[in-house]
C-alpha atoms as a PDB file:
ATOM      1  CA  UNK A   1      -4.327  -6.362 154.965  1.00  0.00           C
ATOM      2  CA  UNK A   2      -4.430  -9.608 157.282  1.00  0.00           C
ATOM      3  CA  UNK A   3      -6.181  -9.868 160.627  1.00  0.00           C
ATOM      4  CA  UNK A   4      -4.209  -8.855 163.541  1.00  0.00           C
ATOM      5  CA  UNK A   5      -2.675 -12.002 165.370  1.00  0.00           C
ATOM      6  CA  UNK A   6      -1.046 -10.645 168.147  1.00  0.00           C
ATOM      7  CA  UNK A   7       0.589 -13.895 169.361  1.00  0.00           C
ATOM      8  CA  UNK A   8       1.998 -14.719 165.946  1.00  0.00           C
ATOM      9  CA  UNK A   9       4.170 -11.662 165.736  1.00  0.00           C
ATOM     10  CA  UNK A  10       7.928 -12.656 166.844  1.00  0.00           C
ATOM     11  CA  UNK A  11       9.434 -11.895 169.601  1.00  0.00           C
ATOM     12  CA  UNK A  12      10.960  -8.527 169.460  1.00  0.00           C
ATOM     13  CA  UNK A  13       9.549  -7.434 166.643  1.00  0.00           C
ATOM     14  CA  UNK A  14       9.534  -4.129 166.092  1.00  0.00           C
ATOM     15  CA  UNK A  15       5.725  -2.504 165.148  1.00  0.00           C
ATOM     16  CA  UNK A  16       4.914   0.738 163.924  1.00  0.00           C
ATOM     17  CA  UNK A  17       1.228   1.877 165.123  1.00  0.00           C
ATOM     18  CA  UNK A  18      -1.335   3.965 163.313  1.00  0.00           C
ATOM     19  CA  UNK A  19      -2.888   6.172 165.388  1.00  0.00           C
ATOM     20  CA  UNK A  20      -6.691   4.640 165.272  1.00  0.00           C
ATOM     21  CA  UNK A  21      -5.689   1.435 167.160  1.00  0.00           C
ATOM     22  CA  UNK A  22      -4.188   3.698 170.007  1.00  0.00           C
ATOM     23  CA  UNK A  23      -7.038   5.947 169.982  1.00  0.00           C
ATOM     24  CA  UNK A  24      -9.496   2.996 169.845  1.00  0.00           C
ATOM     25  CA  UNK A  25      -7.891   1.503 173.015  1.00  0.00           C
ATOM     26  CA  UNK A  26      -7.458   4.429 174.878  1.00  0.00           C
ATOM     27  CA  UNK A  27     -11.053   5.371 174.484  1.00  0.00           C
ATOM     28  CA  UNK A  28     -12.276   1.791 174.893  1.00  0.00           C
ATOM     29  CA  UNK A  29     -14.256   1.160 171.776  1.00  0.00           C
ATOM     30  CA  UNK A  30     -16.877  -1.125 172.298  1.00  0.00           C
ATOM     31  CA  UNK A  31     -16.404  -2.575 169.518  1.00  0.00           C
ATOM     32  CA  UNK A  32     -12.869  -2.272 167.992  1.00  0.00           C
ATOM     33  CA  UNK A  33     -10.653  -2.073 171.116  1.00  0.00           C
ATOM     34  CA  UNK A  34     -10.366  -5.363 171.930  1.00  0.00           C
ATOM     35  CA  UNK A  35      -8.989  -6.439 168.831  1.00  0.00           C
ATOM     36  CA  UNK A  36      -5.879  -4.461 169.573  1.00  0.00           C
ATOM     37  CA  UNK A  37      -5.687  -5.780 173.741  1.00  0.00           C
ATOM     38  CA  UNK A  38      -3.077  -8.702 172.962  1.00  0.00           C
ATOM     39  CA  UNK A  39      -0.714  -6.474 170.926  1.00  0.00           C
ATOM     40  CA  UNK A  40      -0.429  -4.211 173.895  1.00  0.00           C
ATOM     41  CA  UNK A  41      -0.246  -6.987 176.338  1.00  0.00           C
ATOM     42  CA  UNK A  42       2.465  -8.141 174.842  1.00  0.00           C
ATOM     43  CA  UNK A  43       4.271  -4.418 174.774  1.00  0.00           C
ATOM     44  CA  UNK A  44       3.276  -3.832 178.518  1.00  0.00           C
ATOM     45  CA  UNK A  45       5.495  -7.686 178.907  1.00  0.00           C
ATOM     46  CA  UNK A  46       8.556  -6.425 177.045  1.00  0.00           C
ATOM     47  CA  UNK A  47       7.659  -9.207 174.029  1.00  0.00           C
ATOM     48  CA  UNK A  48       7.329  -6.022 171.193  1.00  0.00           C
ATOM     49  CA  UNK A  49       8.731  -2.899 170.541  1.00  0.00           C
ATOM     50  CA  UNK A  50       6.024  -0.139 169.620  1.00  0.00           C
ATOM     51  CA  UNK A  51       6.994   3.046 167.497  1.00  0.00           C
ATOM     52  CA  UNK A  52       4.822   5.867 166.394  1.00  0.00           C
ATOM     53  CA  UNK A  53       5.107   8.458 164.006  1.00  0.00           C
ATOM     54  CA  UNK A  54       4.559  12.596 164.726  1.00  0.00           C
ATOM     55  CA  UNK A  55       1.740  12.158 162.784  1.00  0.00           C
ATOM     56  CA  UNK A  56       0.353   9.918 165.042  1.00  0.00           C
ATOM     57  CA  UNK A  57       1.281  12.044 168.483  1.00  0.00           C
ATOM     58  CA  UNK A  58      -0.489  14.781 166.921  1.00  0.00           C
ATOM     59  CA  UNK A  59      -3.771  12.466 166.052  1.00  0.00           C
ATOM     60  CA  UNK A  60      -4.082  11.002 169.334  1.00  0.00           C
ATOM     61  CA  UNK A  61      -3.553  14.375 171.028  1.00  0.00           C
ATOM     62  CA  UNK A  62      -6.550  16.045 169.418  1.00  0.00           C
ATOM     63  CA  UNK A  63      -9.186  14.709 171.036  1.00  0.00           C
ATOM     64  CA  UNK A  64      -8.228  15.264 174.473  1.00  0.00           C
ATOM     65  CA  UNK A  65      -6.954  19.335 173.615  1.00  0.00           C
ATOM     66  CA  UNK A  66     -10.445  19.681 171.579  1.00  0.00           C
ATOM     67  CA  UNK A  67     -12.150  18.507 174.986  1.00  0.00           C
ATOM     68  CA  UNK A  68     -10.353  20.968 176.841  1.00  0.00           C
ATOM     69  CA  UNK A  69      -8.060  18.165 178.479  1.00  0.00           C
ATOM     70  CA  UNK A  70      -4.334  19.193 178.861  1.00  0.00           C
ATOM     71  CA  UNK A  71      -3.485  16.901 181.516  1.00  0.00           C
ATOM     72  CA  UNK A  72      -4.704  13.984 179.948  1.00  0.00           C
ATOM     73  CA  UNK A  73      -2.958  14.978 176.259  1.00  0.00           C
ATOM     74  CA  UNK A  74       0.669  15.248 178.793  1.00  0.00           C
ATOM     75  CA  UNK A  75      -0.148  12.095 179.954  1.00  0.00           C
ATOM     76  CA  UNK A  76      -1.301  10.420 176.776  1.00  0.00           C
ATOM     77  CA  UNK A  77       1.889  12.121 175.194  1.00  0.00           C
ATOM     78  CA  UNK A  78       4.049  10.922 178.049  1.00  0.00           C
ATOM     79  CA  UNK A  79       3.545   6.834 177.045  1.00  0.00           C
ATOM     80  CA  UNK A  80       3.728   7.882 173.213  1.00  0.00           C
ATOM     81  CA  UNK A  81       7.069   9.121 173.995  1.00  0.00           C
ATOM     82  CA  UNK A  82       8.215   6.207 175.757  1.00  0.00           C
ATOM     83  CA  UNK A  83       8.019   4.231 172.541  1.00  0.00           C
ATOM     84  CA  UNK A  84       9.972   4.773 169.352  1.00  0.00           C
ATOM     85  CA  UNK A  85       9.130   8.123 167.989  1.00  0.00           C
ATOM     86  CA  UNK A  86       9.832   8.550 164.611  1.00  0.00           C
ATOM     87  CA  UNK A  87      10.810  12.004 163.383  1.00  0.00           C
ATOM     88  CA  UNK A  88       9.027  13.213 159.613  1.00  0.00           C
ATOM     89  CA  UNK A  89      12.174  13.461 157.645  1.00  0.00           C
ATOM     90  CA  UNK A  90      13.274  14.884 154.506  1.00  0.00           C
ATOM     91  CA  UNK A  91      13.657  11.176 153.320  1.00  0.00           C
ATOM     92  CA  UNK A  92      10.035   9.731 154.901  1.00  0.00           C
ATOM     93  CA  UNK A  93       8.996  12.849 152.877  1.00  0.00           C
ATOM     94  CA  UNK A  94      10.572  11.597 149.647  1.00  0.00           C
ATOM     95  CA  UNK A  95       9.289   8.062 150.127  1.00  0.00           C
ATOM     96  CA  UNK A  96       5.755   9.240 151.050  1.00  0.00           C
ATOM     97  CA  UNK A  97       5.559  11.206 148.136  1.00  0.00           C
ATOM     98  CA  UNK A  98       6.664   8.329 146.085  1.00  0.00           C
ATOM     99  CA  UNK A  99       4.358   6.198 148.125  1.00  0.00           C
ATOM    100  CA  UNK A 100       1.346   8.238 147.512  1.00  0.00           C
ATOM    101  CA  UNK A 101       2.182   8.649 143.548  1.00  0.00           C
ATOM    102  CA  UNK A 102       2.366   4.709 143.585  1.00  0.00           C
ATOM    103  CA  UNK A 103      -0.833   3.843 145.238  1.00  0.00           C
ATOM    104  CA  UNK A 104      -2.735   6.691 145.300  1.00  0.00           C
ATOM    105  CA  UNK A 105      -2.550   7.097 149.615  1.00  0.00           C
ATOM    106  CA  UNK A 106      -3.586  10.131 151.499  1.00  0.00           C
ATOM    107  CA  UNK A 107      -0.751  12.259 152.938  1.00  0.00           C
ATOM    108  CA  UNK A 108      -0.803  10.495 156.287  1.00  0.00           C
ATOM    109  CA  UNK A 109      -1.086   6.906 154.902  1.00  0.00           C
ATOM    110  CA  UNK A 110       1.466   7.512 152.929  1.00  0.00           C
ATOM    111  CA  UNK A 111       4.028   9.056 155.941  1.00  0.00           C
ATOM    112  CA  UNK A 112       2.982   6.538 158.205  1.00  0.00           C
ATOM    113  CA  UNK A 113       4.042   3.733 155.688  1.00  0.00           C
ATOM    114  CA  UNK A 114       6.840   5.453 154.945  1.00  0.00           C
ATOM    115  CA  UNK A 115       7.854   5.940 158.276  1.00  0.00           C
ATOM    116  CA  UNK A 116       7.388   2.249 159.064  1.00  0.00           C
ATOM    117  CA  UNK A 117       9.829   1.003 156.027  1.00  0.00           C
ATOM    118  CA  UNK A 118      11.926   3.759 157.654  1.00  0.00           C
ATOM    119  CA  UNK A 119      12.517   1.873 160.384  1.00  0.00           C
ATOM    120  CA  UNK A 120      12.466  -1.424 159.173  1.00  0.00           C
ATOM    121  CA  UNK A 121       9.117  -2.436 161.299  1.00  0.00           C
ATOM    122  CA  UNK A 122       7.882  -6.273 161.065  1.00  0.00           C
ATOM    123  CA  UNK A 123       4.499  -4.554 160.017  1.00  0.00           C
ATOM    124  CA  UNK A 124       2.255  -1.590 160.231  1.00  0.00           C
ATOM    125  CA  UNK A 125      -0.764  -1.847 162.692  1.00  0.00           C
ATOM    126  CA  UNK A 126      -3.471  -0.048 161.083  1.00  0.00           C
ATOM    127  CA  UNK A 127      -6.989  -0.339 160.995  1.00  0.00           C
ATOM    128  CA  UNK A 128      -7.574   1.587 157.563  1.00  0.00           C
ATOM    129  CA  UNK A 129      -8.306   0.251 154.665  1.00  0.00           C
ATOM    130  CA  UNK A 130      -6.848   2.368 152.020  1.00  0.00           C
ATOM    131  CA  UNK A 131      -3.391   0.143 152.861  1.00  0.00           C
ATOM    132  CA  UNK A 132      -5.359  -2.858 151.366  1.00  0.00           C
ATOM    133  CA  UNK A 133      -3.491  -2.258 147.905  1.00  0.00           C
ATOM    134  CA  UNK A 134       0.529  -1.833 149.546  1.00  0.00           C
ATOM    135  CA  UNK A 135       2.596  -4.491 149.183  1.00  0.00           C
ATOM    136  CA  UNK A 136       5.976  -4.780 150.227  1.00  0.00           C
ATOM    137  CA  UNK A 137       5.268  -4.060 153.881  1.00  0.00           C
ATOM    138  CA  UNK A 138       3.313  -6.355 156.477  1.00  0.00           C
ATOM    139  CA  UNK A 139      -0.349  -4.722 157.418  1.00  0.00           C
ATOM    140  CA  UNK A 140      -1.868  -5.800 160.760  1.00  0.00           C
ATOM    141  CA  UNK A 141      -5.087  -4.502 162.220  1.00  0.00           C
END
C-alpha cells in the first residue's frame, strides 16, 4: 500500500473510502486524522469524488449510536449518503468471495475491495494493512 498523497490523485478521480479514514477524521484522531485532511479538502473543493459502501456507513454510525448520539449519527449518515453509496449486490458478494479465498481477507475487507473494483475506483483509501498483499487496485492510506 502506498502512502496517501492527495495532491497526486488525478482531478475527478473516484475513490472508495474505507471506514477508518472517515472515523479518524470525524473523531479528530490526534495521530491519523491529519493524514486524510488533504483528501477531504480536495473532495470539498469538488476535485475528487468519494464513494462508501453500506458497510462503511454501518461502521461509521456504530460509535455515535453506541453513545446514544442519534442526532450525530443522523448528521454522519447525511454526509455519507451525499457521496456515492455502493450497495452490497450479488455480484459484489461473488467477487468478495473470490477475493477472500485468494487473499485470505476478512469479509468486510473483501467487500470493500470488491466494491471498489465494481465502481472502477481510482483507489481504495484505507488504513488497513491487510490490503498490502492485494494487487490490481491502487491502495492508498
